[in-house]
Each structure stands twice: as structure tokens, then as C-alpha cells.
Amino acid sequence: MDKLDRIFEMQKSLNDYIITNRHLDFTKEEWIQKGSLALIDEITELLNEVNYKWWKNPKPIDDAAVKEEIVDMLHFFVSICLYAGMSADELFEIYINKNKENFDRQNGLSKKAGYSLK
């Protein structure tokens, strides 16, 4: 089992544990909405760690806290994948295709206009 498969397995286990022990019953749509909102919250927590508020005096960046927020983001991202019915393999395949498309856009090889570096 590769690392991404293991992450998906561990996240499913955590999701199932929380659902069972907190007696939660949401639809797929609600889970994706809640996961997306939680992901946004974690992104905001990461931004707070890296002094995005230009109106405040900056604090020293805590690298460990930054990394923890990134992992929190991954937890919710993988949860969203799972609730959307996406496996680690499917995520990987879609990523590979999208990465190629993004390079094609930059190189003027895509049907989508407005990205080309040329």
C-alpha cells in the first residue's frame, strides 16, 4: 500500500469513528459542504500562522504550527474526496491529467485560451 492509499484508509477510519460515536447522519452533499467549510477554516488558520494580516504586527513564524495546519487541511481534503466517492487511485489519475492540461495551457497547447506564456 502506498502512502496516499494509507492516508485515505486512515482518514476513512477516522471519519467512520466520528460518525459512529457522534451519531452523525448527513447526506453526501452536506458532508461535502461541511468538509469544504472546515477546509476553508484550516486554510484561514494557516494564513494566520504566516502573518497575512498586514494591519497587525508580524510574529515569528512557527514552522511546526504551519506544518500542522497543512496536515489539518489534508485531513479535510481527503475527507471531501472520500465523501465524493473518490479513491486515492482516482485522485492520482485525475491529478496526472490535470497537471498535463495545466502545462499544456502554459505552453499554448490547450483548447482553453488565456494561459499561454507565448
N, C-alpha and C. Protein backbone atom coordinates (compact mmCIF):
# COMPACT_ATOMS: atom_id res chain seq x y z
N MET A 1 0.85 -1.18 0.00
CA MET A 1 0.00 0.00 0.00
C MET A 1 0.90 1.24 0.00
N ASP A 2 0.60 2.16 -0.90
CA ASP A 2 1.43 3.37 -0.94
C ASP A 2 0.94 4.38 0.10
N LYS A 3 1.66 5.46 0.22
CA LYS A 3 1.37 6.45 1.28
C LYS A 3 0.00 7.10 1.09
N LEU A 4 -0.34 7.42 -0.15
CA LEU A 4 -1.64 8.06 -0.38
C LEU A 4 -2.78 7.11 -0.06
N ASP A 5 -2.65 5.84 -0.45
CA ASP A 5 -3.66 4.84 -0.08
C ASP A 5 -3.80 4.75 1.44
N ARG A 6 -2.69 4.76 2.13
CA ARG A 6 -2.69 4.68 3.60
C ARG A 6 -3.39 5.89 4.21
N ILE A 7 -3.11 7.08 3.68
CA ILE A 7 -3.77 8.30 4.17
C ILE A 7 -5.28 8.18 3.98
N PHE A 8 -5.71 7.74 2.81
CA PHE A 8 -7.15 7.57 2.56
C PHE A 8 -7.76 6.57 3.52
N GLU A 9 -7.07 5.45 3.75
CA GLU A 9 -7.57 4.43 4.67
C GLU A 9 -7.69 4.99 6.09
N MET A 10 -6.66 5.68 6.53
CA MET A 10 -6.67 6.24 7.89
C MET A 10 -7.77 7.30 8.04
N GLN A 11 -7.97 8.12 7.01
CA GLN A 11 -9.00 9.16 7.10
C GLN A 11 -10.39 8.54 7.11
N LYS A 12 -10.59 7.49 6.31
CA LYS A 12 -11.89 6.81 6.33
C LYS A 12 -12.17 6.25 7.71
N SER A 13 -11.14 5.66 8.32
CA SER A 13 -11.30 5.11 9.66
C SER A 13 -11.68 6.20 10.66
N LEU A 14 -11.01 7.35 10.58
CA LEU A 14 -11.34 8.46 11.48
C LEU A 14 -12.75 8.97 11.21
N ASN A 15 -13.10 9.15 9.94
CA ASN A 15 -14.45 9.61 9.61
C ASN A 15 -15.50 8.66 10.17
N ASP A 16 -15.31 7.36 9.93
CA ASP A 16 -16.28 6.37 10.41
C ASP A 16 -16.38 6.40 11.93
N TYR A 17 -15.26 6.54 12.61
CA TYR A 17 -15.25 6.59 14.07
C TYR A 17 -16.05 7.80 14.57
N ILE A 18 -15.81 8.96 13.98
CA ILE A 18 -16.51 10.17 14.40
C ILE A 18 -18.00 10.07 14.11
N ILE A 19 -18.35 9.57 12.93
CA ILE A 19 -19.77 9.43 12.56
C ILE A 19 -20.48 8.51 13.55
N THR A 20 -19.87 7.39 13.85
CA THR A 20 -20.48 6.41 14.76
C THR A 20 -20.60 6.96 16.17
N ASN A 21 -19.53 7.50 16.69
CA ASN A 21 -19.51 7.91 18.09
C ASN A 21 -20.20 9.24 18.35
N ARG A 22 -20.38 10.04 17.32
CA ARG A 22 -21.12 11.31 17.48
C ARG A 22 -22.53 11.20 16.91
N HIS A 23 -22.88 10.01 16.42
CA HIS A 23 -24.23 9.73 15.91
C HIS A 23 -24.63 10.74 14.82
N LEU A 24 -23.77 10.89 13.84
CA LEU A 24 -23.99 11.86 12.77
C LEU A 24 -24.66 11.19 11.58
N ASP A 25 -25.54 11.92 10.93
CA ASP A 25 -26.25 11.40 9.77
C ASP A 25 -26.49 12.55 8.79
N PHE A 26 -25.52 12.78 7.92
CA PHE A 26 -25.63 13.83 6.92
C PHE A 26 -25.65 13.20 5.54
N THR A 27 -26.21 13.93 4.59
CA THR A 27 -26.18 13.48 3.20
C THR A 27 -24.77 13.69 2.63
N LYS A 28 -24.53 13.07 1.50
CA LYS A 28 -23.26 13.27 0.79
C LYS A 28 -23.04 14.76 0.54
N GLU A 29 -24.07 15.43 0.08
CA GLU A 29 -23.97 16.87 -0.20
C GLU A 29 -23.60 17.65 1.06
N GLU A 30 -24.25 17.32 2.18
CA GLU A 30 -23.95 18.01 3.44
C GLU A 30 -22.52 17.73 3.90
N TRP A 31 -22.06 16.48 3.75
CA TRP A 31 -20.68 16.16 4.15
C TRP A 31 -19.68 16.95 3.33
N ILE A 32 -19.92 17.06 2.03
CA ILE A 32 -19.01 17.82 1.17
C ILE A 32 -19.05 19.30 1.54
N GLN A 33 -20.23 19.82 1.82
CA GLN A 33 -20.34 21.22 2.27
C GLN A 33 -19.58 21.43 3.57
N LYS A 34 -19.82 20.57 4.54
CA LYS A 34 -19.16 20.72 5.85
C LYS A 34 -17.65 20.55 5.73
N GLY A 35 -17.22 19.59 4.93
CA GLY A 35 -15.79 19.39 4.72
C GLY A 35 -15.14 20.59 4.04
N SER A 36 -15.85 21.18 3.08
CA SER A 36 -15.33 22.36 2.38
C SER A 36 -15.21 23.54 3.33
N LEU A 37 -16.20 23.74 4.17
CA LEU A 37 -16.14 24.83 5.16
C LEU A 37 -15.01 24.59 6.16
N ALA A 38 -14.84 23.35 6.60
CA ALA A 38 -13.76 23.04 7.53
C ALA A 38 -12.40 23.26 6.86
N LEU A 39 -12.29 22.91 5.59
CA LEU A 39 -11.05 23.14 4.85
C LEU A 39 -10.75 24.63 4.75
N ILE A 40 -11.76 25.42 4.47
CA ILE A 40 -11.59 26.88 4.42
C ILE A 40 -11.10 27.39 5.77
N ASP A 41 -11.67 26.87 6.85
CA ASP A 41 -11.25 27.28 8.18
C ASP A 41 -9.79 26.94 8.43
N GLU A 42 -9.37 25.75 8.00
CA GLU A 42 -7.97 25.35 8.18
C GLU A 42 -7.03 26.21 7.32
N ILE A 43 -7.47 26.59 6.14
CA ILE A 43 -6.68 27.49 5.30
C ILE A 43 -6.51 28.83 6.01
N THR A 44 -7.59 29.30 6.63
CA THR A 44 -7.52 30.55 7.39
C THR A 44 -6.55 30.42 8.56
N GLU A 45 -6.57 29.28 9.24
CA GLU A 45 -5.63 29.06 10.34
C GLU A 45 -4.19 29.08 9.83
N LEU A 46 -3.95 28.50 8.67
CA LEU A 46 -2.62 28.55 8.07
C LEU A 46 -2.23 30.00 7.76
N LEU A 47 -3.14 30.74 7.17
CA LEU A 47 -2.87 32.14 6.87
C LEU A 47 -2.52 32.93 8.13
N ASN A 48 -3.21 32.65 9.21
CA ASN A 48 -2.92 33.32 10.47
C ASN A 48 -1.51 33.00 10.96
N GLU A 49 -1.03 31.80 10.67
CA GLU A 49 0.32 31.41 11.09
C GLU A 49 1.41 32.13 10.29
N VAL A 50 1.07 32.62 9.10
CA VAL A 50 2.09 33.24 8.24
C VAL A 50 1.85 34.74 8.03
N ASN A 51 1.21 35.34 9.02
CA ASN A 51 1.11 36.81 9.08
C ASN A 51 0.47 37.45 7.86
N TYR A 52 -0.67 36.94 7.42
CA TYR A 52 -1.29 37.55 6.25
C TYR A 52 -1.97 38.88 6.58
N LYS A 53 -2.20 39.15 7.85
CA LYS A 53 -2.88 40.40 8.24
C LYS A 53 -1.88 41.54 8.23
N TRP A 54 -1.89 42.29 7.16
CA TRP A 54 -0.93 43.39 7.00
C TRP A 54 -1.16 44.50 8.00
N TRP A 55 -2.33 44.52 8.65
CA TRP A 55 -2.65 45.56 9.61
C TRP A 55 -2.21 45.21 11.03
N LYS A 56 -1.58 44.04 11.20
CA LYS A 56 -1.07 43.62 12.51
C LYS A 56 0.45 43.51 12.46
N ASN A 57 1.05 43.66 13.62
CA ASN A 57 2.49 43.43 13.72
C ASN A 57 2.77 41.94 13.52
N PRO A 58 3.74 41.61 12.67
CA PRO A 58 4.02 40.19 12.43
C PRO A 58 4.65 39.53 13.65
N LYS A 59 4.39 38.25 13.77
CA LYS A 59 5.00 37.43 14.82
C LYS A 59 5.96 36.46 14.14
N PRO A 60 6.89 35.90 14.88
CA PRO A 60 7.78 34.90 14.28
C PRO A 60 6.97 33.71 13.77
N ILE A 61 7.36 33.19 12.63
CA ILE A 61 6.64 32.06 12.06
C ILE A 61 7.07 30.77 12.77
N ASP A 62 6.08 30.03 13.22
CA ASP A 62 6.29 28.75 13.88
C ASP A 62 6.15 27.65 12.82
N ASP A 63 7.29 27.14 12.34
CA ASP A 63 7.27 26.15 11.26
C ASP A 63 6.46 24.91 11.62
N ALA A 64 6.53 24.48 12.86
CA ALA A 64 5.77 23.29 13.28
C ALA A 64 4.27 23.55 13.19
N ALA A 65 3.83 24.74 13.59
CA ALA A 65 2.41 25.09 13.51
C ALA A 65 1.96 25.19 12.06
N VAL A 66 2.82 25.74 11.20
CA VAL A 66 2.50 25.82 9.77
C VAL A 66 2.28 24.41 9.22
N LYS A 67 3.17 23.51 9.52
CA LYS A 67 3.07 22.14 9.02
C LYS A 67 1.83 21.44 9.57
N GLU A 68 1.51 21.69 10.83
CA GLU A 68 0.32 21.08 11.42
C GLU A 68 -0.95 21.56 10.72
N GLU A 69 -1.01 22.85 10.40
CA GLU A 69 -2.18 23.38 9.69
C GLU A 69 -2.29 22.77 8.30
N ILE A 70 -1.16 22.55 7.64
CA ILE A 70 -1.18 21.92 6.32
C ILE A 70 -1.73 20.50 6.43
N VAL A 71 -1.33 19.78 7.47
CA VAL A 71 -1.85 18.42 7.67
C VAL A 71 -3.33 18.47 8.00
N ASP A 72 -3.78 19.45 8.78
CA ASP A 72 -5.21 19.60 9.05
C ASP A 72 -5.98 19.82 7.74
N MET A 73 -5.40 20.61 6.84
CA MET A 73 -6.02 20.83 5.54
C MET A 73 -6.13 19.51 4.78
N LEU A 74 -5.06 18.70 4.85
CA LEU A 74 -5.08 17.41 4.16
C LEU A 74 -6.18 16.51 4.72
N HIS A 75 -6.35 16.50 6.04
CA HIS A 75 -7.43 15.69 6.65
C HIS A 75 -8.77 16.02 6.00
N PHE A 76 -9.09 17.29 5.93
CA PHE A 76 -10.40 17.67 5.39
C PHE A 76 -10.46 17.49 3.88
N PHE A 77 -9.36 17.73 3.18
CA PHE A 77 -9.34 17.49 1.74
C PHE A 77 -9.61 16.02 1.43
N VAL A 78 -8.94 15.12 2.14
CA VAL A 78 -9.14 13.70 1.90
C VAL A 78 -10.56 13.29 2.30
N SER A 79 -11.08 13.86 3.36
CA SER A 79 -12.48 13.58 3.73
C SER A 79 -13.43 13.96 2.60
N ILE A 80 -13.20 15.13 2.02
CA ILE A 80 -14.04 15.57 0.90
C ILE A 80 -13.92 14.58 -0.26
N CYS A 81 -12.72 14.14 -0.55
CA CYS A 81 -12.52 13.14 -1.61
C CYS A 81 -13.35 11.89 -1.31
N LEU A 82 -13.26 11.40 -0.08
CA LEU A 82 -13.97 10.19 0.30
C LEU A 82 -15.48 10.37 0.18
N TYR A 83 -16.00 11.49 0.66
CA TYR A 83 -17.45 11.72 0.58
C TYR A 83 -17.91 11.91 -0.85
N ALA A 84 -17.01 12.34 -1.72
CA ALA A 84 -17.34 12.48 -3.14
C ALA A 84 -17.20 11.16 -3.88
N GLY A 85 -16.76 10.11 -3.17
CA GLY A 85 -16.62 8.79 -3.78
C GLY A 85 -15.32 8.63 -4.55
N MET A 86 -14.33 9.43 -4.22
CA MET A 86 -13.05 9.39 -4.93
C MET A 86 -12.03 8.57 -4.13
N SER A 87 -11.38 7.66 -4.82
CA SER A 87 -10.33 6.85 -4.20
C SER A 87 -8.98 7.55 -4.38
N ALA A 88 -7.98 7.03 -3.70
CA ALA A 88 -6.62 7.56 -3.86
C ALA A 88 -6.16 7.38 -5.30
N ASP A 89 -6.47 6.24 -5.90
CA ASP A 89 -6.09 5.99 -7.29
C ASP A 89 -6.77 6.97 -8.23
N GLU A 90 -8.05 7.21 -8.02
CA GLU A 90 -8.77 8.15 -8.88
C GLU A 90 -8.24 9.56 -8.72
N LEU A 91 -7.96 9.97 -7.49
CA LEU A 91 -7.36 11.29 -7.25
C LEU A 91 -6.05 11.40 -8.01
N PHE A 92 -5.23 10.38 -7.94
CA PHE A 92 -3.94 10.38 -8.62
C PHE A 92 -4.12 10.51 -10.13
N GLU A 93 -5.02 9.73 -10.71
CA GLU A 93 -5.25 9.77 -12.16
C GLU A 93 -5.77 11.13 -12.61
N ILE A 94 -6.73 11.67 -11.89
CA ILE A 94 -7.28 12.98 -12.25
C ILE A 94 -6.21 14.05 -12.10
N TYR A 95 -5.39 13.93 -11.06
CA TYR A 95 -4.30 14.89 -10.87
C TYR A 95 -3.32 14.84 -12.04
N ILE A 96 -2.93 13.63 -12.45
CA ILE A 96 -2.00 13.47 -13.57
C ILE A 96 -2.55 14.15 -14.81
N ASN A 97 -3.82 13.92 -15.12
CA ASN A 97 -4.44 14.52 -16.30
C ASN A 97 -4.52 16.04 -16.19
N LYS A 98 -4.88 16.53 -15.01
CA LYS A 98 -5.00 17.99 -14.82
C LYS A 98 -3.63 18.66 -14.86
N ASN A 99 -2.61 18.00 -14.32
CA ASN A 99 -1.26 18.55 -14.36
C ASN A 99 -0.79 18.70 -15.81
N LYS A 100 -1.05 17.68 -16.63
CA LYS A 100 -0.70 17.76 -18.06
C LYS A 100 -1.45 18.91 -18.71
N GLU A 101 -2.74 19.04 -18.43
CA GLU A 101 -3.54 20.13 -19.00
C GLU A 101 -2.98 21.48 -18.57
N ASN A 102 -2.58 21.61 -17.33
CA ASN A 102 -2.02 22.89 -16.85
C ASN A 102 -0.73 23.24 -17.57
N PHE A 103 0.13 22.25 -17.81
CA PHE A 103 1.33 22.50 -18.61
C PHE A 103 0.96 22.88 -20.03
N ASP A 104 -0.02 22.15 -20.61
CA ASP A 104 -0.46 22.46 -21.97
C ASP A 104 -0.99 23.88 -22.06
N ARG A 105 -1.73 24.32 -21.06
CA ARG A 105 -2.25 25.69 -21.05
C ARG A 105 -1.10 26.70 -21.06
N GLN A 106 -0.09 26.46 -20.24
CA GLN A 106 1.04 27.38 -20.17
C GLN A 106 1.81 27.42 -21.48
N ASN A 107 1.80 26.31 -22.20
CA ASN A 107 2.57 26.21 -23.44
C ASN A 107 1.73 26.45 -24.69
N GLY A 108 0.49 26.93 -24.50
CA GLY A 108 -0.37 27.24 -25.65
C GLY A 108 -0.86 26.02 -26.39
N LEU A 109 -0.88 24.87 -25.75
CA LEU A 109 -1.29 23.62 -26.40
C LEU A 109 -2.70 23.19 -26.01
N SER A 110 -3.37 23.98 -25.18
CA SER A 110 -4.70 23.65 -24.70
C SER A 110 -5.76 24.34 -25.56
N LYS A 111 -6.95 23.78 -25.53
CA LYS A 111 -8.08 24.43 -26.20
C LYS A 111 -8.57 25.64 -25.41
N LYS A 112 -8.17 25.72 -24.14
CA LYS A 112 -8.55 26.85 -23.29
C LYS A 112 -7.60 28.01 -23.50
N ALA A 113 -8.14 29.14 -23.84
CA ALA A 113 -7.31 30.31 -24.13
C ALA A 113 -7.01 31.12 -22.87
N GLY A 114 -5.98 31.94 -22.96
CA GLY A 114 -5.71 32.90 -21.91
C GLY A 114 -4.62 32.51 -20.93
N TYR A 115 -3.95 31.41 -21.15
CA TYR A 115 -2.93 30.94 -20.21
C TYR A 115 -1.51 30.98 -20.80
N SER A 116 -1.43 30.95 -22.10
CA SER A 116 -0.15 30.74 -22.79
C SER A 116 0.93 31.76 -22.41
N LEU A 117 2.12 31.24 -22.18
CA LEU A 117 3.28 32.08 -21.91
C LEU A 117 3.82 32.70 -23.19
N LYS A 118 3.41 32.17 -24.33
CA LYS A 118 3.95 32.62 -25.63
C LYS A 118 3.23 33.85 -26.13
